[in-house]
PDB file of all heavy atoms in Angstrom:
ATOM      1  N   THR A   1       8.612  40.041 -15.377  1.00  0.00           N
ATOM      2  CA  THR A   1       8.997  40.038 -16.772  1.00  0.00           C
ATOM      3  C   THR A   1       8.094  41.093 -17.553  1.00  0.00           C
ATOM      4  O   THR A   1       8.522  41.564 -18.694  1.00  0.00           O
ATOM      5  CB  THR A   1       8.834  38.602 -17.446  1.00  0.00           C
ATOM      6  OG1 THR A   1       7.482  38.145 -17.081  1.00  0.00           O
ATOM      7  CG2 THR A   1       9.803  37.661 -16.953  1.00  0.00           C
ATOM      8  N   LEU A   2       6.926  41.474 -17.126  1.00  0.00           N
ATOM      9  CA  LEU A   2       6.091  42.230 -17.785  1.00  0.00           C
ATOM     10  C   LEU A   2       6.603  43.723 -17.774  1.00  0.00           C
ATOM     11  O   LEU A   2       6.224  44.587 -18.584  1.00  0.00           O
ATOM     12  CB  LEU A   2       4.680  42.389 -17.009  1.00  0.00           C
ATOM     13  CG  LEU A   2       3.811  41.100 -17.259  1.00  0.00           C
ATOM     14  CD1 LEU A   2       2.479  41.274 -16.518  1.00  0.00           C
ATOM     15  CD2 LEU A   2       3.523  40.952 -18.740  1.00  0.00           C
ATOM     16  N   LYS A   3       7.599  44.047 -16.793  1.00  0.00           N
ATOM     17  CA  LYS A   3       8.169  45.339 -16.788  1.00  0.00           C
ATOM     18  C   LYS A   3       8.990  45.461 -18.118  1.00  0.00           C
ATOM     19  O   LYS A   3       9.287  46.756 -18.429  1.00  0.00           O
ATOM     20  CB  LYS A   3       9.073  45.475 -15.541  1.00  0.00           C
ATOM     21  CG  LYS A   3       8.312  45.474 -14.242  1.00  0.00           C
ATOM     22  CD  LYS A   3       9.147  45.571 -13.069  1.00  0.00           C
ATOM     23  CE  LYS A   3       8.354  45.563 -11.708  1.00  0.00           C
ATOM     24  NZ  LYS A   3       9.173  45.553 -10.536  1.00  0.00           N
ATOM     25  N   SER A   4       9.441  44.392 -18.772  1.00  0.00           N
ATOM     26  CA  SER A   4      10.179  44.562 -19.855  1.00  0.00           C
ATOM     27  C   SER A   4       9.522  45.211 -21.157  1.00  0.00           C
ATOM     28  O   SER A   4      10.078  45.652 -22.132  1.00  0.00           O
ATOM     29  CB  SER A   4      10.835  43.164 -20.402  1.00  0.00           C
ATOM     30  OG  SER A   4      11.470  42.629 -19.323  1.00  0.00           O
ATOM     31  N   ILE A   5       8.118  45.263 -20.946  1.00  0.00           N
ATOM     32  CA  ILE A   5       7.343  45.848 -21.897  1.00  0.00           C
ATOM     33  C   ILE A   5       7.720  47.320 -22.320  1.00  0.00           C
ATOM     34  O   ILE A   5       7.636  47.878 -23.469  1.00  0.00           O
ATOM     35  CB  ILE A   5       5.786  45.775 -21.721  1.00  0.00           C
ATOM     36  CG1 ILE A   5       5.302  44.277 -21.646  1.00  0.00           C
ATOM     37  CG2 ILE A   5       4.990  46.490 -22.628  1.00  0.00           C
ATOM     38  CD1 ILE A   5       3.860  44.059 -21.449  1.00  0.00           C
ATOM     39  N   LYS A   6       8.169  47.980 -21.195  1.00  0.00           N
ATOM     40  CA  LYS A   6       8.563  49.351 -21.253  1.00  0.00           C
ATOM     41  C   LYS A   6       9.695  49.549 -22.233  1.00  0.00           C
ATOM     42  O   LYS A   6       9.842  50.607 -22.894  1.00  0.00           O
ATOM     43  CB  LYS A   6       8.877  49.932 -19.976  1.00  0.00           C
ATOM     44  CG  LYS A   6       7.773  49.906 -18.830  1.00  0.00           C
ATOM     45  CD  LYS A   6       8.197  50.423 -17.548  1.00  0.00           C
ATOM     46  CE  LYS A   6       7.268  50.362 -16.496  1.00  0.00           C
ATOM     47  NZ  LYS A   6       7.598  50.889 -15.174  1.00  0.00           N
ATOM     48  N   GLN A   7      10.623  48.409 -22.418  1.00  0.00           N
ATOM     49  CA  GLN A   7      11.780  48.579 -23.284  1.00  0.00           C
ATOM     50  C   GLN A   7      11.287  48.464 -24.708  1.00  0.00           C
ATOM     51  O   GLN A   7      12.115  48.836 -25.557  1.00  0.00           O
ATOM     52  CB  GLN A   7      12.720  47.587 -22.950  1.00  0.00           C
ATOM     53  CG  GLN A   7      13.191  47.603 -21.438  1.00  0.00           C
ATOM     54  CD  GLN A   7      14.284  46.394 -21.120  1.00  0.00           C
ATOM     55  OE1 GLN A   7      15.066  46.238 -22.066  1.00  0.00           O
ATOM     56  NE2 GLN A   7      14.122  45.865 -20.010  1.00  0.00           N
ATOM     57  N   PHE A   8      10.170  47.857 -24.925  1.00  0.00           N
ATOM     58  CA  PHE A   8       9.708  47.606 -26.345  1.00  0.00           C
ATOM     59  C   PHE A   8       8.514  48.409 -26.741  1.00  0.00           C
ATOM     60  O   PHE A   8       7.476  47.927 -27.093  1.00  0.00           O
ATOM     61  CB  PHE A   8       9.468  46.198 -26.508  1.00  0.00           C
ATOM     62  CG  PHE A   8      10.581  45.270 -25.976  1.00  0.00           C
ATOM     63  CD1 PHE A   8      10.292  44.208 -25.105  1.00  0.00           C
ATOM     64  CD2 PHE A   8      11.784  45.368 -26.330  1.00  0.00           C
ATOM     65  CE1 PHE A   8      11.326  43.346 -24.587  1.00  0.00           C
ATOM     66  CE2 PHE A   8      12.890  44.590 -25.879  1.00  0.00           C
ATOM     67  CZ  PHE A   8      12.543  43.565 -24.924  1.00  0.00           C
ATOM     68  N   LYS A   9       8.519  49.659 -26.487  1.00  0.00           N
ATOM     69  CA  LYS A   9       7.270  50.546 -26.779  1.00  0.00           C
ATOM     70  C   LYS A   9       6.904  50.564 -28.234  1.00  0.00           C
ATOM     71  O   LYS A   9       5.667  50.683 -28.435  1.00  0.00           O
ATOM     72  CB  LYS A   9       7.704  51.920 -26.388  1.00  0.00           C
ATOM     73  CG  LYS A   9       7.926  52.301 -24.912  1.00  0.00           C
ATOM     74  CD  LYS A   9       8.256  53.654 -24.595  1.00  0.00           C
ATOM     75  CE  LYS A   9       8.361  53.912 -23.074  1.00  0.00           C
ATOM     76  NZ  LYS A   9       8.726  55.391 -22.841  1.00  0.00           N
ATOM     77  N   GLU A  10       7.796  50.281 -29.090  1.00  0.00           N
ATOM     78  CA  GLU A  10       7.402  50.133 -30.603  1.00  0.00           C
ATOM     79  C   GLU A  10       6.564  48.943 -30.833  1.00  0.00           C
ATOM     80  O   GLU A  10       5.944  48.767 -31.879  1.00  0.00           O
ATOM     81  CB  GLU A  10       8.701  50.106 -31.437  1.00  0.00           C
ATOM     82  CG  GLU A  10       9.478  48.949 -31.318  1.00  0.00           C
ATOM     83  CD  GLU A  10      10.493  48.863 -30.197  1.00  0.00           C
ATOM     84  OE1 GLU A  10      10.391  49.741 -29.308  1.00  0.00           O
ATOM     85  OE2 GLU A  10      11.346  47.954 -30.088  1.00  0.00           O
ATOM     86  N   LEU A  11       6.615  47.973 -29.883  1.00  0.00           N
ATOM     87  CA  LEU A  11       5.742  46.674 -30.000  1.00  0.00           C
ATOM     88  C   LEU A  11       4.516  46.652 -29.243  1.00  0.00           C
ATOM     89  O   LEU A  11       3.922  45.706 -29.081  1.00  0.00           O
ATOM     90  CB  LEU A  11       6.656  45.486 -29.718  1.00  0.00           C
ATOM     91  CG  LEU A  11       7.922  45.298 -30.623  1.00  0.00           C
ATOM     92  CD1 LEU A  11       8.655  44.033 -30.123  1.00  0.00           C
ATOM     93  CD2 LEU A  11       7.628  45.210 -32.052  1.00  0.00           C
ATOM     94  N   THR A  12       4.086  47.804 -28.601  1.00  0.00           N
ATOM     95  CA  THR A  12       3.008  47.889 -27.756  1.00  0.00           C
ATOM     96  C   THR A  12       1.713  47.380 -28.372  1.00  0.00           C
ATOM     97  O   THR A  12       0.978  46.510 -27.839  1.00  0.00           O
ATOM     98  CB  THR A  12       2.717  49.257 -27.242  1.00  0.00           C
ATOM     99  OG1 THR A  12       3.806  49.897 -26.592  1.00  0.00           O
ATOM    100  CG2 THR A  12       1.582  49.305 -26.385  1.00  0.00           C
ATOM    101  N   VAL A  13       1.575  47.713 -29.596  1.00  0.00           N
ATOM    102  CA  VAL A  13       0.340  47.338 -30.451  1.00  0.00           C
ATOM    103  C   VAL A  13       0.313  45.750 -30.596  1.00  0.00           C
ATOM    104  O   VAL A  13      -0.700  45.088 -30.404  1.00  0.00           O
ATOM    105  CB  VAL A  13       0.192  47.898 -31.775  1.00  0.00           C
ATOM    106  CG1 VAL A  13      -0.916  47.407 -32.629  1.00  0.00           C
ATOM    107  CG2 VAL A  13      -0.011  49.476 -31.642  1.00  0.00           C
ATOM    108  N   LEU A  14       1.523  45.280 -31.019  1.00  0.00           N
ATOM    109  CA  LEU A  14       1.593  43.797 -31.127  1.00  0.00           C
ATOM    110  C   LEU A  14       1.466  43.020 -29.897  1.00  0.00           C
ATOM    111  O   LEU A  14       0.853  42.026 -29.881  1.00  0.00           O
ATOM    112  CB  LEU A  14       2.947  43.522 -31.830  1.00  0.00           C
ATOM    113  CG  LEU A  14       3.242  43.951 -33.307  1.00  0.00           C
ATOM    114  CD1 LEU A  14       4.514  43.479 -33.731  1.00  0.00           C
ATOM    115  CD2 LEU A  14       2.087  43.471 -34.126  1.00  0.00           C
ATOM    116  N   PHE A  15       1.882  43.647 -28.785  1.00  0.00           N
ATOM    117  CA  PHE A  15       1.684  42.889 -27.490  1.00  0.00           C
ATOM    118  C   PHE A  15       0.196  42.933 -27.076  1.00  0.00           C
ATOM    119  O   PHE A  15      -0.277  41.967 -26.555  1.00  0.00           O
ATOM    120  CB  PHE A  15       2.466  43.704 -26.358  1.00  0.00           C
ATOM    121  CG  PHE A  15       3.866  43.353 -26.370  1.00  0.00           C
ATOM    122  CD1 PHE A  15       4.843  44.315 -26.084  1.00  0.00           C
ATOM    123  CD2 PHE A  15       4.479  42.109 -26.604  1.00  0.00           C
ATOM    124  CE1 PHE A  15       6.253  44.105 -26.113  1.00  0.00           C
ATOM    125  CE2 PHE A  15       5.795  41.925 -26.511  1.00  0.00           C
ATOM    126  CZ  PHE A  15       6.740  42.874 -26.292  1.00  0.00           C
ATOM    127  N   PHE A  16      -0.442  43.939 -27.444  1.00  0.00           N
ATOM    128  CA  PHE A  16      -1.868  44.039 -27.200  1.00  0.00           C
ATOM    129  C   PHE A  16      -2.650  43.035 -28.030  1.00  0.00           C
ATOM    130  O   PHE A  16      -3.633  42.377 -27.659  1.00  0.00           O
ATOM    131  CB  PHE A  16      -2.347  45.458 -27.407  1.00  0.00           C
ATOM    132  CG  PHE A  16      -3.905  45.643 -27.133  1.00  0.00           C
ATOM    133  CD1 PHE A  16      -4.391  45.445 -25.831  1.00  0.00           C
ATOM    134  CD2 PHE A  16      -4.815  46.060 -27.999  1.00  0.00           C
ATOM    135  CE1 PHE A  16      -5.805  45.572 -25.509  1.00  0.00           C
ATOM    136  CE2 PHE A  16      -6.166  46.089 -27.731  1.00  0.00           C
ATOM    137  CZ  PHE A  16      -6.560  46.058 -26.442  1.00  0.00           C
ATOM    138  N   VAL A  17      -2.278  43.001 -29.316  1.00  0.00           N
ATOM    139  CA  VAL A  17      -2.790  41.998 -30.159  1.00  0.00           C
ATOM    140  C   VAL A  17      -2.617  40.495 -29.651  1.00  0.00           C
ATOM    141  O   VAL A  17      -3.497  39.705 -29.658  1.00  0.00           O
ATOM    142  CB  VAL A  17      -2.184  42.094 -31.617  1.00  0.00           C
ATOM    143  CG1 VAL A  17      -2.658  40.909 -32.472  1.00  0.00           C
ATOM    144  CG2 VAL A  17      -2.654  43.399 -32.185  1.00  0.00           C
ATOM    145  N   PHE A  18      -1.423  40.291 -29.142  1.00  0.00           N
ATOM    146  CA  PHE A  18      -1.156  38.951 -28.544  1.00  0.00           C
ATOM    147  C   PHE A  18      -2.073  38.650 -27.348  1.00  0.00           C
ATOM    148  O   PHE A  18      -2.577  37.558 -27.284  1.00  0.00           O
ATOM    149  CB  PHE A  18       0.390  38.845 -28.149  1.00  0.00           C
ATOM    150  CG  PHE A  18       0.731  37.614 -27.472  1.00  0.00           C
ATOM    151  CD1 PHE A  18       1.182  36.504 -28.164  1.00  0.00           C
ATOM    152  CD2 PHE A  18       0.718  37.348 -26.064  1.00  0.00           C
ATOM    153  CE1 PHE A  18       1.494  35.128 -27.650  1.00  0.00           C
ATOM    154  CE2 PHE A  18       1.077  36.178 -25.520  1.00  0.00           C
ATOM    155  CZ  PHE A  18       1.362  35.122 -26.310  1.00  0.00           C
ATOM    156  N   PHE A  19      -2.217  39.768 -26.552  1.00  0.00           N
ATOM    157  CA  PHE A  19      -3.045  39.619 -25.382  1.00  0.00           C
ATOM    158  C   PHE A  19      -4.561  39.245 -25.943  1.00  0.00           C
ATOM    159  O   PHE A  19      -5.214  38.349 -25.238  1.00  0.00           O
ATOM    160  CB  PHE A  19      -3.152  40.854 -24.618  1.00  0.00           C
ATOM    161  CG  PHE A  19      -3.967  40.832 -23.380  1.00  0.00           C
ATOM    162  CD1 PHE A  19      -3.434  40.315 -22.206  1.00  0.00           C
ATOM    163  CD2 PHE A  19      -5.275  41.305 -23.388  1.00  0.00           C
ATOM    164  CE1 PHE A  19      -4.291  40.235 -21.115  1.00  0.00           C
ATOM    165  CE2 PHE A  19      -5.941  41.229 -22.260  1.00  0.00           C
ATOM    166  CZ  PHE A  19      -5.543  40.720 -21.142  1.00  0.00           C
ATOM    167  N   LEU A  20      -5.112  39.904 -26.890  1.00  0.00           N
ATOM    168  CA  LEU A  20      -6.393  39.713 -27.364  1.00  0.00           C
ATOM    169  C   LEU A  20      -6.538  38.202 -27.996  1.00  0.00           C
ATOM    170  O   LEU A  20      -7.475  37.497 -27.647  1.00  0.00           O
ATOM    171  CB  LEU A  20      -6.742  40.681 -28.373  1.00  0.00           C
ATOM    172  CG  LEU A  20      -6.888  42.040 -27.982  1.00  0.00           C
ATOM    173  CD1 LEU A  20      -7.138  43.021 -29.245  1.00  0.00           C
ATOM    174  CD2 LEU A  20      -7.977  42.287 -26.999  1.00  0.00           C
ATOM    175  N   LEU A  21      -5.560  37.790 -28.806  1.00  0.00           N
ATOM    176  CA  LEU A  21      -5.537  36.469 -29.385  1.00  0.00           C
ATOM    177  C   LEU A  21      -5.488  35.468 -28.441  1.00  0.00           C
ATOM    178  O   LEU A  21      -6.187  34.356 -28.532  1.00  0.00           O
ATOM    179  CB  LEU A  21      -4.470  36.425 -30.567  1.00  0.00           C
ATOM    180  CG  LEU A  21      -4.553  37.352 -31.709  1.00  0.00           C
ATOM    181  CD1 LEU A  21      -3.364  37.205 -32.561  1.00  0.00           C
ATOM    182  CD2 LEU A  21      -5.841  36.975 -32.454  1.00  0.00           C
ATOM    183  N   SER A  22      -4.618  35.558 -27.474  1.00  0.00           N
ATOM    184  CA  SER A  22      -4.474  34.584 -26.316  1.00  0.00           C
ATOM    185  C   SER A  22      -5.787  34.557 -25.474  1.00  0.00           C
ATOM    186  O   SER A  22      -6.102  33.301 -25.203  1.00  0.00           O
ATOM    187  CB  SER A  22      -3.288  35.010 -25.486  1.00  0.00           C
ATOM    188  OG  SER A  22      -3.079  33.900 -24.539  1.00  0.00           O
ATOM    189  N   THR A  23      -6.350  35.616 -25.282  1.00  0.00           N
ATOM    190  CA  THR A  23      -7.679  35.614 -24.502  1.00  0.00           C
ATOM    191  C   THR A  23      -8.744  34.794 -25.270  1.00  0.00           C
ATOM    192  O   THR A  23      -9.427  33.940 -24.840  1.00  0.00           O
ATOM    193  CB  THR A  23      -8.096  36.969 -24.193  1.00  0.00           C
ATOM    194  OG1 THR A  23      -7.051  37.713 -23.431  1.00  0.00           O
ATOM    195  CG2 THR A  23      -9.501  36.939 -23.421  1.00  0.00           C
ATOM    196  N   ALA A  24      -8.821  35.103 -26.491  1.00  0.00           N
ATOM    197  CA  ALA A  24      -9.820  34.470 -27.479  1.00  0.00           C
ATOM    198  C   ALA A  24      -9.645  33.094 -27.473  1.00  0.00           C
ATOM    199  O   ALA A  24     -10.626  32.213 -27.646  1.00  0.00           O
ATOM    200  CB  ALA A  24      -9.675  35.075 -28.809  1.00  0.00           C
ATOM    201  N   SER A  25      -8.313  32.555 -27.469  1.00  0.00           N
ATOM    202  CA  SER A  25      -8.021  31.101 -27.489  1.00  0.00           C
ATOM    203  C   SER A  25      -8.737  30.261 -26.450  1.00  0.00           C
ATOM    204  O   SER A  25      -8.932  29.058 -26.521  1.00  0.00           O
ATOM    205  CB  SER A  25      -6.588  30.852 -27.651  1.00  0.00           C
ATOM    206  OG  SER A  25      -5.875  31.107 -26.411  1.00  0.00           O
ATOM    207  N   HIS A  26      -8.995  30.932 -25.307  1.00  0.00           N
ATOM    208  CA  HIS A  26      -9.531  30.240 -24.137  1.00  0.00           C
ATOM    209  C   HIS A  26     -11.092  29.949 -24.279  1.00  0.00           C
ATOM    210  O   HIS A  26     -11.611  29.124 -23.316  1.00  0.00           O
ATOM    211  CB  HIS A  26      -9.208  30.987 -22.852  1.00  0.00           C
ATOM    212  CG  HIS A  26      -7.763  31.053 -22.584  1.00  0.00           C
ATOM    213  ND1 HIS A  26      -7.043  29.948 -22.224  1.00  0.00           N
ATOM    214  CD2 HIS A  26      -6.988  32.147 -22.431  1.00  0.00           C
ATOM    215  CE1 HIS A  26      -5.711  30.303 -21.954  1.00  0.00           C
ATOM    216  NE2 HIS A  26      -5.652  31.628 -22.079  1.00  0.00           N
ATOM    217  N   SER A  27     -11.727  30.507 -25.261  1.00  0.00           N
ATOM    218  CA  SER A  27     -13.157  30.221 -25.293  1.00  0.00           C
ATOM    219  C   SER A  27     -13.408  28.743 -25.583  1.00  0.00           C
ATOM    220  O   SER A  27     -14.472  28.270 -25.068  1.00  0.00           O
ATOM    221  CB  SER A  27     -13.613  31.036 -26.466  1.00  0.00           C
ATOM    222  OG  SER A  27     -13.272  30.678 -27.707  1.00  0.00           O
ATOM    223  N   MET A  28     -12.698  28.180 -26.355  1.00  0.00           N
ATOM    224  CA  MET A  28     -12.857  26.776 -26.646  1.00  0.00           C
ATOM    225  C   MET A  28     -12.734  25.833 -25.389  1.00  0.00           C
ATOM    226  O   MET A  28     -13.629  25.073 -25.039  1.00  0.00           O
ATOM    227  CB  MET A  28     -11.895  26.299 -27.740  1.00  0.00           C
ATOM    228  CG  MET A  28     -12.110  24.918 -28.225  1.00  0.00           C
ATOM    229  SD  MET A  28     -13.818  24.869 -29.168  1.00  0.00           S
ATOM    230  CE  MET A  28     -13.447  26.073 -30.461  1.00  0.00           C
ATOM    231  N   GLU A  29     -11.682  25.813 -24.731  1.00  0.00           N
ATOM    232  CA  GLU A  29     -11.345  25.086 -23.600  1.00  0.00           C
ATOM    233  C   GLU A  29     -12.388  25.323 -22.467  1.00  0.00           C
ATOM    234  O   GLU A  29     -12.685  24.371 -21.687  1.00  0.00           O
ATOM    235  CB  GLU A  29     -10.035  25.224 -23.136  1.00  0.00           C
ATOM    236  CG  GLU A  29      -9.641  26.551 -22.592  1.00  0.00           C
ATOM    237  CD  GLU A  29      -8.246  26.752 -22.209  1.00  0.00           C
ATOM    238  OE1 GLU A  29      -7.430  26.666 -23.074  1.00  0.00           O
ATOM    239  OE2 GLU A  29      -7.881  27.046 -21.097  1.00  0.00           O
ATOM    240  N   SER A  30     -12.832  26.629 -22.366  1.00  0.00           N
ATOM    241  CA  SER A  30     -13.672  26.956 -21.198  1.00  0.00           C
ATOM    242  C   SER A  30     -15.050  26.514 -21.421  1.00  0.00           C
ATOM    243  O   SER A  30     -15.778  26.182 -20.349  1.00  0.00           O
ATOM    244  CB  SER A  30     -13.741  28.443 -21.124  1.00  0.00           C
ATOM    245  OG  SER A  30     -12.381  28.911 -20.941  1.00  0.00           O
ATOM    246  N   THR A  31     -15.708  26.534 -22.574  1.00  0.00           N
ATOM    247  CA  THR A  31     -17.031  26.254 -22.813  1.00  0.00           C
ATOM    248  C   THR A  31     -17.480  25.135 -23.805  1.00  0.00           C
ATOM    249  O   THR A  31     -18.636  24.908 -23.864  1.00  0.00           O
ATOM    250  CB  THR A  31     -17.714  27.675 -23.276  1.00  0.00           C
ATOM    251  OG1 THR A  31     -17.147  27.907 -24.672  1.00  0.00           O
ATOM    252  CG2 THR A  31     -17.415  28.766 -22.340  1.00  0.00           C
ATOM    253  N   TRP A  32     -16.515  24.505 -24.380  1.00  0.00           N
ATOM    254  CA  TRP A  32     -16.812  23.400 -25.287  1.00  0.00           C
ATOM    255  C   TRP A  32     -17.645  22.358 -24.792  1.00  0.00           C
ATOM    256  O   TRP A  32     -18.703  22.062 -25.255  1.00  0.00           O
ATOM    257  CB  TRP A  32     -15.660  22.821 -25.945  1.00  0.00           C
ATOM    258  CG  TRP A  32     -15.849  21.847 -26.906  1.00  0.00           C
ATOM    259  CD1 TRP A  32     -15.867  20.364 -26.579  1.00  0.00           C
ATOM    260  CD2 TRP A  32     -16.205  21.816 -28.295  1.00  0.00           C
ATOM    261  NE1 TRP A  32     -16.190  19.565 -27.706  1.00  0.00           N
ATOM    262  CE2 TRP A  32     -16.521  20.528 -28.706  1.00  0.00           C
ATOM    263  CE3 TRP A  32     -16.503  22.881 -29.116  1.00  0.00           C
ATOM    264  CZ2 TRP A  32     -16.776  20.345 -29.948  1.00  0.00           C
ATOM    265  CZ3 TRP A  32     -16.781  22.656 -30.441  1.00  0.00           C
ATOM    266  CH2 TRP A  32     -16.835  21.316 -30.910  1.00  0.00           C
ATOM    267  N   SER A  33     -17.346  21.938 -23.596  1.00  0.00           N
ATOM    268  CA  SER A  33     -18.045  20.817 -22.904  1.00  0.00           C
ATOM    269  C   SER A  33     -19.493  21.276 -22.595  1.00  0.00           C
ATOM    270  O   SER A  33     -20.489  20.569 -22.886  1.00  0.00           O
ATOM    271  CB  SER A  33     -17.305  20.160 -21.592  1.00  0.00           C
ATOM    272  OG  SER A  33     -16.090  19.731 -22.062  1.00  0.00           O
ATOM    273  N   PHE A  34     -19.678  22.443 -21.939  1.00  0.00           N
ATOM    274  CA  PHE A  34     -20.866  22.996 -21.474  1.00  0.00           C
ATOM    275  C   PHE A  34     -21.775  23.264 -22.722  1.00  0.00           C
ATOM    276  O   PHE A  34     -22.961  22.925 -22.724  1.00  0.00           O
ATOM    277  CB  PHE A  34     -20.695  24.208 -20.782  1.00  0.00           C
ATOM    278  CG  PHE A  34     -19.922  24.060 -19.439  1.00  0.00           C
ATOM    279  CD1 PHE A  34     -18.677  24.352 -19.382  1.00  0.00           C
ATOM    280  CD2 PHE A  34     -20.630  23.536 -18.316  1.00  0.00           C
ATOM    281  CE1 PHE A  34     -17.924  24.180 -18.130  1.00  0.00           C
ATOM    282  CE2 PHE A  34     -19.945  23.317 -17.084  1.00  0.00           C
ATOM    283  CZ  PHE A  34     -18.627  23.640 -17.012  1.00  0.00           C
ATOM    284  N   PHE A  35     -21.123  23.798 -23.734  1.00  0.00           N
ATOM    285  CA  PHE A  35     -21.776  24.258 -24.891  1.00  0.00           C
ATOM    286  C   PHE A  35     -22.424  23.089 -25.640  1.00  0.00           C
ATOM    287  O   PHE A  35     -23.671  23.037 -26.074  1.00  0.00           O
ATOM    288  CB  PHE A  35     -20.945  25.092 -25.987  1.00  0.00           C
ATOM    289  CG  PHE A  35     -21.589  25.263 -27.258  1.00  0.00           C
ATOM    290  CD1 PHE A  35     -22.648  26.176 -27.405  1.00  0.00           C
ATOM    291  CD2 PHE A  35     -21.048  24.624 -28.388  1.00  0.00           C
ATOM    292  CE1 PHE A  35     -23.032  26.345 -28.782  1.00  0.00           C
ATOM    293  CE2 PHE A  35     -21.596  24.780 -29.666  1.00  0.00           C
ATOM    294  CZ  PHE A  35     -22.591  25.699 -29.797  1.00  0.00           C
ATOM    295  N   THR A  36     -21.621  21.983 -25.985  1.00  0.00           N
ATOM    296  CA  THR A  36     -22.151  20.838 -26.694  1.00  0.00           C
ATOM    297  C   THR A  36     -23.136  20.066 -25.944  1.00  0.00           C
ATOM    298  O   THR A  36     -24.129  19.425 -26.521  1.00  0.00           O
ATOM    299  CB  THR A  36     -20.888  19.929 -27.098  1.00  0.00           C
ATOM    300  OG1 THR A  36     -20.120  19.634 -26.007  1.00  0.00           O
ATOM    301  CG2 THR A  36     -20.067  20.632 -28.316  1.00  0.00           C
TER     302      THR A  36
END
């Protein structure tokens, strides 16, 4: 399905933003228990 990105070149920036935001969302589940 990632090959479909080539068809939506005008959305490349938004896909990259989605990637960054989705990555950021994992900080909570990954470290909350250890951190507290």
